[in-house]
Amino acid sequence: MTDLPEAGVAPARPAASARFLGHSTFELDLGVGTVLTDPVLRHRVMFLHRIGTRPAPPRPRPTLVLVSHLHHDHFDVPSLAGWCLGSVIVVPQGSQRLFRRHGFPDVVPLSAGDSHRAGGLTVTATPARHSGRREPFGPTAEALGFLLEGGGRRIYFAGDTDLFPEMRGLGAPLDLALLPVWGWGPRLGSGHLDPGRAADAVARLRPRVAIPMHWGSFGVYGHIQGEARRRAPARRFAAEVRRRGLDTEVRVLAPGTGLTHID
């Protein structure tokens, strides 16, 4: 006989975790399904090389794969081919022909505001302020973020973005926000968050927990970064959130090896 929850008592949420594989790649386990974000798992991508710890491979065939935009450091064809065949890949509207041409038939194109359900997971595309062009000669599709719901939790994966008006209160209440705090070179171009602006994003989103991403994982060949400099963006982000007196807990995970439970 199965025990039923007492009247008025919410059923327990399944255990959930987030593993930071580096850059913008997370392996999320929400208990009702697994999600891989912007999978980039190789040591070298274009003119970038991994400067953080190379991650242990994720579990194959996640329930959902989220690709926020078409830049090579977020949409890496060999990484997708190695670990995501057979998974549902959620992509920006207008990019589906590119994915199918590379051998990924099961793609779900979304525009901001559109949703897709897979098993116990629901993903909704959100706006992002960032270029969506596949350089140097590829197609252009809008850049997105994603709101993920499953197992009684809500997670916002920002992809790559600057601040945008719709960010205020997005997905509230949020259990977790995965926010970019830097880039891969010595300077940031337009369409990015730095540590201070990422703290502004926390003030708008008000998640219970925030994890910084897009830092300390890849560098440009010929540009040498020491350990302290690699870690600086994430540490400055955490310090900015504390300085502003925000209630959000910042968890800085080591690229490639960082693991945390999602309460």
Protein backbone atom coordinates (compact mmCIF):
# COMPACT_ATOMS: atom_id res chain seq x y z
CA MET A 1 0.00 0.00 0.00
CA THR A 2 1.37 3.43 -0.96
CA ASP A 3 1.48 6.09 1.74
CA LEU A 4 -0.34 9.26 0.74
CA PRO A 5 0.80 12.74 1.85
CA GLU A 6 -1.22 14.25 4.68
CA ALA A 7 -3.90 16.70 3.66
CA GLY A 8 -2.47 20.18 3.21
CA VAL A 9 1.14 18.91 3.10
CA ALA A 10 2.99 19.39 -0.20
CA PRO A 11 4.76 16.27 -1.49
CA ALA A 12 8.53 16.24 -1.07
CA ARG A 13 10.51 17.56 -4.04
CA PRO A 14 12.96 15.16 -5.67
CA ALA A 15 16.65 15.75 -5.06
CA ALA A 16 18.23 18.10 -7.61
CA SER A 17 21.76 19.20 -8.46
CA ALA A 18 23.78 21.44 -10.76
CA ARG A 19 27.25 20.57 -12.06
CA PHE A 20 29.32 23.32 -13.67
CA LEU A 21 31.21 21.83 -16.60
CA GLY A 22 32.72 25.19 -17.54
CA HIS A 23 31.90 28.34 -19.52
CA SER A 24 28.09 28.14 -19.99
CA THR A 25 27.77 24.36 -19.77
CA PHE A 26 25.82 22.93 -16.84
CA GLU A 27 24.49 19.46 -16.21
CA LEU A 28 21.24 19.90 -14.29
CA ASP A 29 19.44 17.01 -12.63
CA LEU A 30 15.97 17.99 -11.44
CA GLY A 31 14.92 14.52 -10.37
CA VAL A 32 12.34 14.31 -13.16
CA GLY A 33 14.83 14.75 -16.00
CA THR A 34 18.32 15.98 -16.87
CA VAL A 35 19.32 19.07 -18.83
CA LEU A 36 22.57 20.05 -20.54
CA THR A 37 23.06 23.75 -21.31
CA ASP A 38 25.17 25.12 -24.20
CA PRO A 39 27.37 22.00 -24.37
CA VAL A 40 31.02 22.83 -25.04
CA LEU A 41 33.11 19.90 -23.82
CA ARG A 42 36.26 19.98 -25.94
CA HIS A 43 39.69 21.29 -25.02
CA ARG A 44 39.84 23.62 -28.05
CA VAL A 45 37.11 25.57 -29.82
CA MET A 46 38.12 27.83 -32.71
CA PHE A 47 40.80 30.19 -31.32
CA LEU A 48 39.94 29.37 -27.70
CA HIS A 49 41.57 26.79 -25.45
CA ARG A 50 40.40 25.49 -22.10
CA ILE A 51 42.26 27.03 -19.19
CA GLY A 52 40.12 25.48 -16.46
CA THR A 53 39.87 21.83 -15.49
CA ARG A 54 38.55 19.66 -18.29
CA PRO A 55 35.20 18.29 -17.09
CA ALA A 56 34.26 14.67 -16.64
CA PRO A 57 31.81 13.80 -19.40
CA PRO A 58 28.12 14.31 -18.64
CA ARG A 59 25.68 11.46 -18.74
CA PRO A 60 24.70 10.67 -22.33
CA ARG A 61 21.29 11.50 -23.77
CA PRO A 62 20.00 14.17 -21.38
CA THR A 63 16.25 14.75 -21.43
CA LEU A 64 16.74 18.25 -22.84
CA VAL A 65 19.64 20.14 -24.37
CA LEU A 66 19.37 23.94 -24.41
CA VAL A 67 21.34 25.98 -26.97
CA SER A 68 20.98 29.68 -26.29
CA HIS A 69 22.58 31.08 -29.47
CA LEU A 70 24.82 30.20 -32.39
CA HIS A 71 28.25 31.46 -31.28
CA HIS A 72 30.89 28.74 -31.42
CA ASP A 73 31.52 28.86 -27.67
CA HIS A 74 27.84 27.98 -27.07
CA PHE A 75 26.93 25.82 -30.09
CA ASP A 76 29.78 23.34 -30.61
CA VAL A 77 28.87 20.68 -33.16
CA PRO A 78 31.35 17.95 -31.98
CA SER A 79 30.19 18.32 -28.36
CA LEU A 80 26.57 17.92 -29.39
CA ALA A 81 27.39 14.96 -31.63
CA GLY A 82 29.31 13.22 -28.87
CA TRP A 83 26.80 13.51 -26.05
CA CYS A 84 23.40 14.69 -27.23
CA LEU A 85 22.35 12.40 -30.06
CA GLY A 86 18.88 11.14 -29.22
CA SER A 87 18.12 14.10 -26.96
CA VAL A 88 15.59 16.84 -27.66
CA ILE A 89 17.61 19.97 -28.51
CA VAL A 90 15.86 23.30 -27.90
CA VAL A 91 17.25 25.98 -30.23
CA PRO A 92 16.48 29.56 -31.27
CA GLN A 93 13.79 29.97 -33.89
CA GLY A 94 15.36 30.33 -37.32
CA SER A 95 18.35 28.07 -36.60
CA GLN A 96 16.71 24.67 -37.09
CA ARG A 97 17.98 24.19 -40.64
CA LEU A 98 21.57 24.67 -39.44
CA PHE A 99 21.15 22.02 -36.73
CA ARG A 100 19.47 19.56 -39.06
CA ARG A 101 22.21 20.08 -41.64
CA HIS A 102 24.72 18.99 -38.98
CA GLY A 103 22.78 15.79 -38.27
CA PHE A 104 20.47 16.76 -35.39
CA PRO A 105 16.92 16.01 -36.55
CA ASP A 106 15.11 16.29 -33.21
CA VAL A 107 15.29 20.05 -32.67
CA VAL A 108 12.59 22.25 -31.16
CA PRO A 109 12.84 25.89 -32.30
CA LEU A 110 11.51 28.48 -29.86
CA SER A 111 11.09 32.24 -29.85
CA ALA A 112 11.00 34.27 -26.63
CA GLY A 113 7.78 33.39 -24.81
CA ASP A 114 7.37 29.94 -26.40
CA SER A 115 7.41 26.78 -24.26
CA HIS A 116 8.10 23.08 -24.75
CA ARG A 117 7.42 20.15 -22.42
CA ALA A 118 9.51 16.96 -22.27
CA GLY A 119 8.53 14.45 -19.61
CA GLY A 120 8.43 16.24 -16.28
CA LEU A 121 10.34 19.29 -17.59
CA THR A 122 9.00 22.48 -19.13
CA VAL A 123 11.31 24.99 -20.81
CA THR A 124 10.26 28.51 -21.80
CA ALA A 125 12.44 30.72 -24.00
CA THR A 126 13.19 34.17 -22.61
CA PRO A 127 14.66 37.28 -24.24
CA ALA A 128 18.39 37.90 -24.30
CA ARG A 129 20.36 40.97 -25.36
CA HIS A 130 23.19 39.48 -27.38
CA SER A 131 24.21 38.86 -30.99
CA GLY A 132 22.83 35.65 -32.48
CA ARG A 133 25.00 35.48 -35.61
CA ARG A 134 27.05 32.37 -36.38
CA GLU A 135 30.40 33.95 -37.24
CA PRO A 136 31.98 34.47 -39.66
CA PHE A 137 29.53 33.62 -42.46
CA GLY A 138 26.77 31.64 -40.81
CA PRO A 139 23.10 32.41 -40.29
CA THR A 140 21.61 34.69 -37.66
CA ALA A 141 18.91 33.69 -35.17
CA GLU A 142 17.79 35.47 -32.02
CA ALA A 143 19.75 34.83 -28.84
CA LEU A 144 17.70 33.39 -25.99
CA GLY A 145 17.74 32.54 -22.33
CA PHE A 146 15.63 29.76 -20.83
CA LEU A 147 13.33 29.31 -17.84
CA LEU A 148 13.33 25.68 -16.76
CA GLU A 149 10.64 24.15 -14.52
CA GLY A 150 10.54 20.62 -13.12
CA GLY A 151 10.53 18.71 -9.86
CA GLY A 152 8.97 21.69 -8.06
CA ARG A 153 11.85 24.03 -8.96
CA ARG A 154 12.43 26.99 -11.29
CA ILE A 155 15.81 27.71 -12.84
CA TYR A 156 16.79 30.59 -15.13
CA PHE A 157 19.66 29.95 -17.54
CA ALA A 158 20.62 33.30 -19.05
CA GLY A 159 22.81 32.06 -21.90
CA ASP A 160 24.80 35.13 -22.88
CA THR A 161 23.14 38.50 -22.36
CA ASP A 162 23.27 42.04 -21.12
CA LEU A 163 20.49 43.48 -18.95
CA PHE A 164 17.07 43.75 -20.58
CA PRO A 165 13.76 45.22 -19.31
CA GLU A 166 11.87 41.90 -19.10
CA MET A 167 14.47 40.56 -16.66
CA ARG A 168 12.78 42.19 -13.66
CA GLY A 169 10.76 39.50 -11.89
CA LEU A 170 11.36 36.95 -14.66
CA GLY A 171 10.20 33.51 -13.54
CA ALA A 172 9.56 34.60 -9.95
CA PRO A 173 9.98 32.89 -7.60
CA LEU A 174 13.30 31.52 -8.85
CA ASP A 175 15.21 28.80 -7.03
CA LEU A 176 18.36 29.30 -9.08
CA ALA A 177 19.77 31.74 -11.66
CA LEU A 178 22.76 30.82 -13.83
CA LEU A 179 24.26 34.16 -14.86
CA PRO A 180 27.20 35.13 -17.09
CA VAL A 181 29.66 37.44 -15.37
CA TRP A 182 32.40 37.79 -18.01
CA GLY A 183 33.56 36.52 -21.42
CA TRP A 184 36.59 34.66 -22.73
CA GLY A 185 39.01 37.50 -23.54
CA PRO A 186 40.71 40.36 -21.72
CA ARG A 187 37.82 42.74 -22.57
CA LEU A 188 34.05 42.53 -22.90
CA GLY A 189 32.16 43.56 -26.00
CA SER A 190 28.52 44.65 -26.12
CA GLY A 191 25.82 42.22 -25.08
CA HIS A 192 27.62 40.87 -22.00
CA LEU A 193 27.33 41.16 -18.24
CA ASP A 194 30.32 42.11 -16.12
CA PRO A 195 30.32 41.39 -12.34
CA GLY A 196 28.57 44.65 -11.45
CA ARG A 197 25.86 44.34 -14.08
CA ALA A 198 25.38 40.67 -13.18
CA ALA A 199 24.69 41.86 -9.61
CA ASP A 200 22.12 44.26 -11.13
CA ALA A 201 20.56 41.18 -12.77
CA VAL A 202 20.35 39.50 -9.35
CA ALA A 203 18.56 42.59 -8.00
CA ARG A 204 16.00 42.28 -10.81
CA LEU A 205 15.55 38.51 -10.64
CA ARG A 206 15.78 37.92 -6.86
CA PRO A 207 16.65 34.20 -7.06
CA ARG A 208 17.29 32.22 -3.89
CA VAL A 209 20.66 31.11 -5.31
CA ALA A 210 22.83 32.48 -8.13
CA ILE A 211 25.76 30.71 -9.78
CA PRO A 212 28.16 32.73 -11.97
CA MET A 213 29.17 31.27 -15.34
CA HIS A 214 31.08 32.29 -18.48
CA TRP A 215 34.33 32.84 -16.57
CA GLY A 216 37.62 31.02 -15.98
CA SER A 217 37.08 28.25 -18.53
CA PHE A 218 38.44 29.37 -21.92
CA GLY A 219 41.08 31.83 -23.03
CA VAL A 220 42.51 33.18 -26.24
CA TYR A 221 45.76 31.63 -27.45
CA GLY A 222 48.66 33.89 -26.54
CA HIS A 223 46.82 35.63 -23.69
CA ILE A 224 48.13 34.29 -20.37
CA GLN A 225 45.92 34.42 -17.29
CA GLY A 226 47.04 33.46 -13.80
CA GLU A 227 44.80 31.67 -11.32
CA ALA A 228 43.80 34.85 -9.47
CA ARG A 229 42.88 36.65 -12.68
CA ARG A 230 40.79 33.70 -13.92
CA ARG A 231 38.80 33.63 -10.70
CA ALA A 232 38.42 37.40 -10.33
CA PRO A 233 35.11 37.90 -12.21
CA ALA A 234 33.23 35.33 -10.12
CA ARG A 235 34.67 36.65 -6.86
CA ARG A 236 33.84 40.25 -7.80
CA PHE A 237 30.30 39.20 -8.65
CA ALA A 238 29.84 37.56 -5.23
CA ALA A 239 31.28 40.64 -3.54
CA GLU A 240 28.94 42.96 -5.48
CA VAL A 241 25.87 40.94 -4.46
CA ARG A 242 26.97 41.11 -0.80
CA ARG A 243 27.73 44.82 -1.02
CA ARG A 244 24.21 45.56 -2.24
CA GLY A 245 22.65 43.65 0.63
CA LEU A 246 20.73 41.27 -1.62
CA ASP A 247 19.19 38.15 -0.10
CA THR A 248 20.47 35.87 -2.88
CA GLU A 249 23.09 33.28 -1.94
CA VAL A 250 25.96 33.22 -4.45
CA ARG A 251 27.66 29.87 -4.98
CA VAL A 252 30.91 30.02 -6.94
CA LEU A 253 31.58 26.62 -8.49
CA ALA A 254 34.96 25.62 -9.90
CA PRO A 255 34.78 25.27 -13.70
CA GLY A 256 34.85 21.60 -14.68
CA THR A 257 34.36 20.10 -11.22
CA GLY A 258 31.92 22.27 -9.26
CA LEU A 259 28.80 20.49 -7.98
CA THR A 260 26.02 21.77 -5.77
CA HIS A 261 22.64 20.53 -4.61
CA ILE A 262 19.63 22.68 -5.45
CA ASP A 263 17.65 23.02 -2.23
